[in-house]
Amino acid sequence: MSLTIKTVGRGRRVAAGSLIAVAALALTACQDGTGAASRPSSAAASATQQESGSGAKPTAAKQPSSAGAARPSAHAAASAGGKASGGGHAAESHASAMTASDRCTAANMSLRLGASDIGAGNIHYPLVFTNKGKKACTLRGFPGVSLILRDGSPVGKPATREGGPGGLVRLQPGQSAHAVLHTVNEGVSDTPCWAGSQIVYVYPPGSKESMTTGSRGLRVCGGRFDVTAVEAGALG
């Protein structure tokens, strides 16, 4: 009976010792695994530093645009009336919009062709625009000019632009501006003259609506038919 008890006691001590050894091995393996997972390789560590910005600068693609963040869009600035930072650009946009809305149109002007001015083989005709509206308006640039017959048939080609673009001309009610049509006398060039015209067909600067006036028998010779930008005042 005592022998059995001793044997069982020895077996329990062996079993207990085995369990302790297994637990120790498991604990060691667990610790080793945690350490491996928490310690990236040197290459991974370098990549992590670059990504987080420690020890290296982020790439350009990941940097937010401070200019875009600080400046409103041109549309927003214009809507704000040029009060935002960078208002110079917004003010220019706003001024352009005001000029467009203030432009003289065919509906609020009259048109006439002044008397010819002949000299040194050249012929000039003032093309006069007059503000017949009740408020001031502006003109700037070149009119589009063609010569036609009464039935609408074209005579020759549209006038080409001559000279610089000119400045802004502001017309109070009743005031006028003019452009100048230019051709040459017959015989100055071997290029034959066009047939005589009856009507001057005109698009004011910036307008999509036309105006007409009598041509005073204007005939283009030498293949030369030009028009200048508008200027203040009336001639002829």
Protein backbone atom coordinates (compact mmCIF):
# COMPACT_ATOMS: atom_id res chain seq x y z
CA MET A 1 0.00 0.00 0.00
CA SER A 2 2.76 2.44 0.84
CA LEU A 3 4.52 1.53 -2.42
CA THR A 4 1.54 2.55 -4.47
CA ILE A 5 1.32 5.87 -2.70
CA LYS A 6 5.01 6.58 -3.34
CA THR A 7 4.64 5.70 -7.00
CA VAL A 8 1.64 7.95 -7.46
CA GLY A 9 3.42 10.79 -5.66
CA ARG A 10 6.48 10.41 -7.91
CA GLY A 11 4.22 10.37 -11.00
CA ARG A 12 2.52 13.56 -9.92
CA ARG A 13 5.82 15.26 -9.36
CA VAL A 14 7.01 14.21 -12.83
CA ALA A 15 3.77 15.41 -14.44
CA ALA A 16 3.94 18.71 -12.61
CA GLY A 17 7.53 19.19 -13.72
CA SER A 18 6.60 18.46 -17.32
CA LEU A 19 3.78 21.03 -17.25
CA ILE A 20 6.10 23.67 -15.87
CA ALA A 21 8.63 22.94 -18.64
CA VAL A 22 5.95 23.15 -21.35
CA ALA A 23 4.64 26.42 -19.93
CA ALA A 24 8.14 27.87 -19.90
CA LEU A 25 8.75 26.88 -23.51
CA ALA A 26 5.41 28.35 -24.57
CA LEU A 27 6.16 31.59 -22.77
CA THR A 28 9.58 31.81 -24.42
CA ALA A 29 8.09 31.19 -27.87
CA CYS A 30 5.38 33.81 -27.26
CA GLN A 31 7.94 36.40 -26.21
CA ASP A 32 10.12 35.67 -29.23
CA GLY A 33 7.17 36.00 -31.60
CA THR A 34 6.05 39.34 -30.14
CA GLY A 35 9.52 40.75 -30.41
CA ALA A 36 9.83 39.75 -34.08
CA ALA A 37 6.50 41.31 -34.98
CA SER A 38 7.20 44.55 -33.16
CA ARG A 39 10.66 45.03 -34.63
CA PRO A 40 10.51 45.89 -38.39
CA SER A 41 13.50 45.26 -40.58
CA SER A 42 15.85 48.16 -41.22
CA ALA A 43 14.33 48.66 -44.70
CA ALA A 44 10.81 48.71 -43.29
CA ALA A 45 11.91 51.11 -40.55
CA SER A 46 13.38 53.46 -43.16
CA ALA A 47 10.17 53.36 -45.20
CA THR A 48 8.15 54.02 -42.05
CA GLN A 49 10.30 57.03 -41.22
CA GLN A 50 9.87 58.44 -44.72
CA GLU A 51 6.13 57.94 -44.59
CA SER A 52 5.79 59.58 -41.17
CA GLY A 53 8.13 62.41 -42.06
CA SER A 54 10.71 61.62 -39.37
CA GLY A 55 14.17 61.84 -40.80
CA ALA A 56 12.94 62.56 -44.38
CA LYS A 57 10.65 65.00 -46.15
CA PRO A 58 7.36 63.81 -47.63
CA THR A 59 7.19 63.56 -51.39
CA ALA A 60 5.77 66.45 -53.42
CA ALA A 61 2.66 64.48 -54.25
CA LYS A 62 1.77 64.27 -50.55
CA GLN A 63 2.33 67.95 -49.78
CA PRO A 64 -0.86 70.04 -49.80
CA SER A 65 -0.75 73.12 -51.97
CA SER A 66 -0.52 76.09 -49.66
CA ALA A 67 -1.25 78.44 -52.56
CA GLY A 68 -4.46 76.65 -53.37
CA ALA A 69 -5.46 76.61 -49.73
CA ALA A 70 -4.70 80.28 -49.14
CA ARG A 71 -6.14 81.81 -52.32
CA PRO A 72 -9.77 81.61 -53.37
CA SER A 73 -10.63 80.72 -56.96
CA ALA A 74 -10.91 83.52 -59.51
CA HIS A 75 -14.65 82.94 -59.68
CA ALA A 76 -15.02 83.23 -55.93
CA ALA A 77 -12.87 86.36 -55.84
CA ALA A 78 -14.94 87.97 -58.59
CA SER A 79 -18.14 87.05 -56.73
CA ALA A 80 -16.74 88.67 -53.63
CA GLY A 81 -16.19 91.90 -55.50
CA GLY A 82 -12.39 91.69 -55.36
CA LYS A 83 -12.28 91.86 -51.54
CA ALA A 84 -10.29 88.64 -51.11
CA SER A 85 -6.50 88.46 -51.13
CA GLY A 86 -5.12 88.70 -54.65
CA GLY A 87 -7.88 91.23 -55.30
CA GLY A 88 -5.94 92.84 -58.17
CA HIS A 89 -6.81 89.94 -60.44
CA ALA A 90 -10.39 89.89 -59.18
CA ALA A 91 -10.71 93.62 -59.75
CA GLU A 92 -9.57 93.21 -63.35
CA SER A 93 -12.16 90.47 -63.89
CA HIS A 94 -14.82 92.64 -62.31
CA ALA A 95 -13.82 95.61 -64.47
CA SER A 96 -14.01 93.45 -67.61
CA ALA A 97 -17.51 92.33 -66.66
CA MET A 98 -18.57 95.94 -66.08
CA THR A 99 -17.14 96.99 -69.45
CA ALA A 100 -19.01 94.19 -71.23
CA SER A 101 -22.30 95.18 -69.61
CA ASP A 102 -21.64 98.85 -70.43
CA ARG A 103 -20.78 98.31 -74.10
CA CYS A 104 -22.48 100.44 -76.77
CA THR A 105 -24.72 98.30 -78.96
CA ALA A 106 -26.32 98.68 -82.36
CA ALA A 107 -29.65 99.27 -80.62
CA ASN A 108 -28.48 102.40 -78.79
CA MET A 109 -26.36 104.03 -81.51
CA SER A 110 -26.76 105.69 -84.87
CA LEU A 111 -24.29 105.35 -87.75
CA ARG A 112 -23.24 107.55 -90.64
CA LEU A 113 -20.40 107.78 -93.15
CA GLY A 114 -18.70 111.16 -93.26
CA ALA A 115 -17.36 113.00 -96.27
CA SER A 116 -14.26 111.67 -97.99
CA ASP A 117 -10.82 113.13 -97.32
CA ILE A 118 -8.59 112.76 -100.37
CA GLY A 119 -4.87 113.40 -100.38
CA ALA A 120 -1.60 111.92 -101.68
CA GLY A 121 -3.39 109.14 -103.51
CA ASN A 122 -5.31 108.00 -100.41
CA ILE A 123 -8.99 108.31 -99.58
CA HIS A 124 -10.30 108.28 -96.00
CA TYR A 125 -13.91 108.13 -94.81
CA PRO A 126 -14.89 108.65 -91.16
CA LEU A 127 -17.39 106.06 -89.94
CA VAL A 128 -19.21 107.82 -87.09
CA PHE A 129 -21.02 106.12 -84.17
CA THR A 130 -23.26 108.31 -81.98
CA ASN A 131 -24.77 107.34 -78.65
CA LYS A 132 -28.50 107.92 -78.99
CA GLY A 133 -29.36 106.19 -75.70
CA LYS A 134 -30.17 107.72 -72.33
CA LYS A 135 -27.04 106.57 -70.51
CA ALA A 136 -23.31 106.45 -71.15
CA CYS A 137 -21.78 103.45 -72.92
CA THR A 138 -18.33 102.37 -74.12
CA LEU A 139 -16.65 101.31 -77.35
CA ARG A 140 -13.26 99.74 -77.85
CA GLY A 141 -11.52 98.10 -80.79
CA PHE A 142 -12.30 97.57 -84.44
CA PRO A 143 -15.70 97.52 -86.12
CA GLY A 144 -16.39 94.87 -88.75
CA VAL A 145 -17.05 96.59 -92.08
CA SER A 146 -18.23 95.33 -95.48
CA LEU A 147 -19.62 96.96 -98.59
CA ILE A 148 -22.85 95.68 -100.16
CA LEU A 149 -25.48 96.54 -102.76
CA ARG A 150 -29.12 97.23 -101.89
CA ASP A 151 -30.05 93.63 -102.60
CA GLY A 152 -27.48 92.47 -100.02
CA SER A 153 -24.91 91.29 -102.55
CA PRO A 154 -21.35 91.74 -101.25
CA VAL A 155 -18.90 94.05 -102.96
CA GLY A 156 -15.31 92.93 -102.63
CA LYS A 157 -14.05 91.71 -99.26
CA PRO A 158 -14.48 92.93 -95.66
CA ALA A 159 -12.14 95.67 -94.48
CA THR A 160 -8.86 94.59 -92.88
CA ARG A 161 -7.65 96.09 -89.61
CA GLU A 162 -5.16 98.92 -89.71
CA GLY A 163 -3.16 100.27 -86.77
CA GLY A 164 -3.32 99.51 -83.06
CA PRO A 165 -6.32 98.31 -81.05
CA GLY A 166 -7.00 101.75 -79.57
CA GLY A 167 -8.26 102.60 -76.10
CA LEU A 168 -11.60 102.60 -74.34
CA VAL A 169 -13.94 105.34 -75.57
CA ARG A 170 -16.78 106.32 -73.26
CA LEU A 171 -19.72 108.06 -74.88
CA GLN A 172 -22.20 110.13 -72.95
CA PRO A 173 -25.66 110.47 -74.55
CA GLY A 174 -25.29 112.44 -77.78
CA GLN A 175 -21.50 111.99 -78.01
CA SER A 176 -19.75 110.32 -80.96
CA ALA A 177 -16.76 108.16 -81.80
CA HIS A 178 -15.34 107.29 -85.18
CA ALA A 179 -13.28 104.74 -87.08
CA VAL A 180 -11.63 105.54 -90.40
CA LEU A 181 -12.10 103.62 -93.66
CA HIS A 182 -9.18 103.80 -96.07
CA THR A 183 -8.66 103.02 -99.73
CA VAL A 184 -6.56 104.53 -102.56
CA ASN A 185 -7.27 106.47 -105.72
CA GLU A 186 -7.83 104.71 -109.00
CA GLY A 187 -4.59 104.29 -110.93
CA VAL A 188 -2.35 104.18 -107.86
CA SER A 189 -2.11 100.43 -108.28
CA ASP A 190 -2.52 98.01 -111.17
CA THR A 191 -5.11 96.11 -109.12
CA PRO A 192 -8.52 96.98 -110.57
CA CYS A 193 -11.16 98.85 -108.56
CA TRP A 194 -14.20 97.10 -107.14
CA ALA A 195 -17.68 97.90 -108.36
CA GLY A 196 -19.37 100.86 -106.70
CA SER A 197 -21.14 100.06 -103.41
CA GLN A 198 -24.40 101.39 -102.05
CA ILE A 199 -24.41 100.42 -98.37
CA VAL A 200 -21.80 100.12 -95.64
CA TYR A 201 -22.60 97.09 -93.48
CA VAL A 202 -21.11 97.40 -89.99
CA TYR A 203 -20.77 95.41 -86.77
CA PRO A 204 -19.83 97.79 -83.92
CA PRO A 205 -16.85 96.65 -81.81
CA GLY A 206 -17.83 93.67 -79.67
CA SER A 207 -21.34 93.50 -81.11
CA LYS A 208 -23.15 90.64 -82.85
CA GLU A 209 -25.82 92.98 -84.25
CA SER A 210 -25.24 94.91 -87.46
CA MET A 211 -25.87 98.48 -88.55
CA THR A 212 -26.01 100.03 -92.01
CA THR A 213 -25.58 103.42 -93.60
CA GLY A 214 -25.30 104.81 -97.14
CA SER A 215 -21.86 104.38 -98.72
CA ARG A 216 -21.74 107.70 -100.62
CA GLY A 217 -20.69 105.68 -103.67
CA LEU A 218 -17.54 104.47 -101.91
CA ARG A 219 -15.44 102.45 -104.33
CA VAL A 220 -12.36 100.51 -103.31
CA CYS A 221 -9.33 100.64 -105.61
CA GLY A 222 -5.91 99.02 -105.56
CA GLY A 223 -7.26 96.15 -103.46
CA ARG A 224 -6.83 98.39 -100.38
CA PHE A 225 -9.70 98.55 -97.91
CA ASP A 226 -8.80 99.11 -94.24
CA VAL A 227 -10.49 100.22 -91.04
CA THR A 228 -8.96 101.66 -87.85
CA ALA A 229 -10.04 101.14 -84.25
CA VAL A 230 -12.57 103.60 -82.86
CA GLU A 231 -11.47 106.96 -81.43
CA ALA A 232 -13.34 109.65 -79.57
CA GLY A 233 -15.01 112.44 -81.51
CA ALA A 234 -16.69 112.79 -84.89
CA LEU A 235 -15.04 113.70 -88.19
CA GLY A 236 -16.71 115.00 -91.34
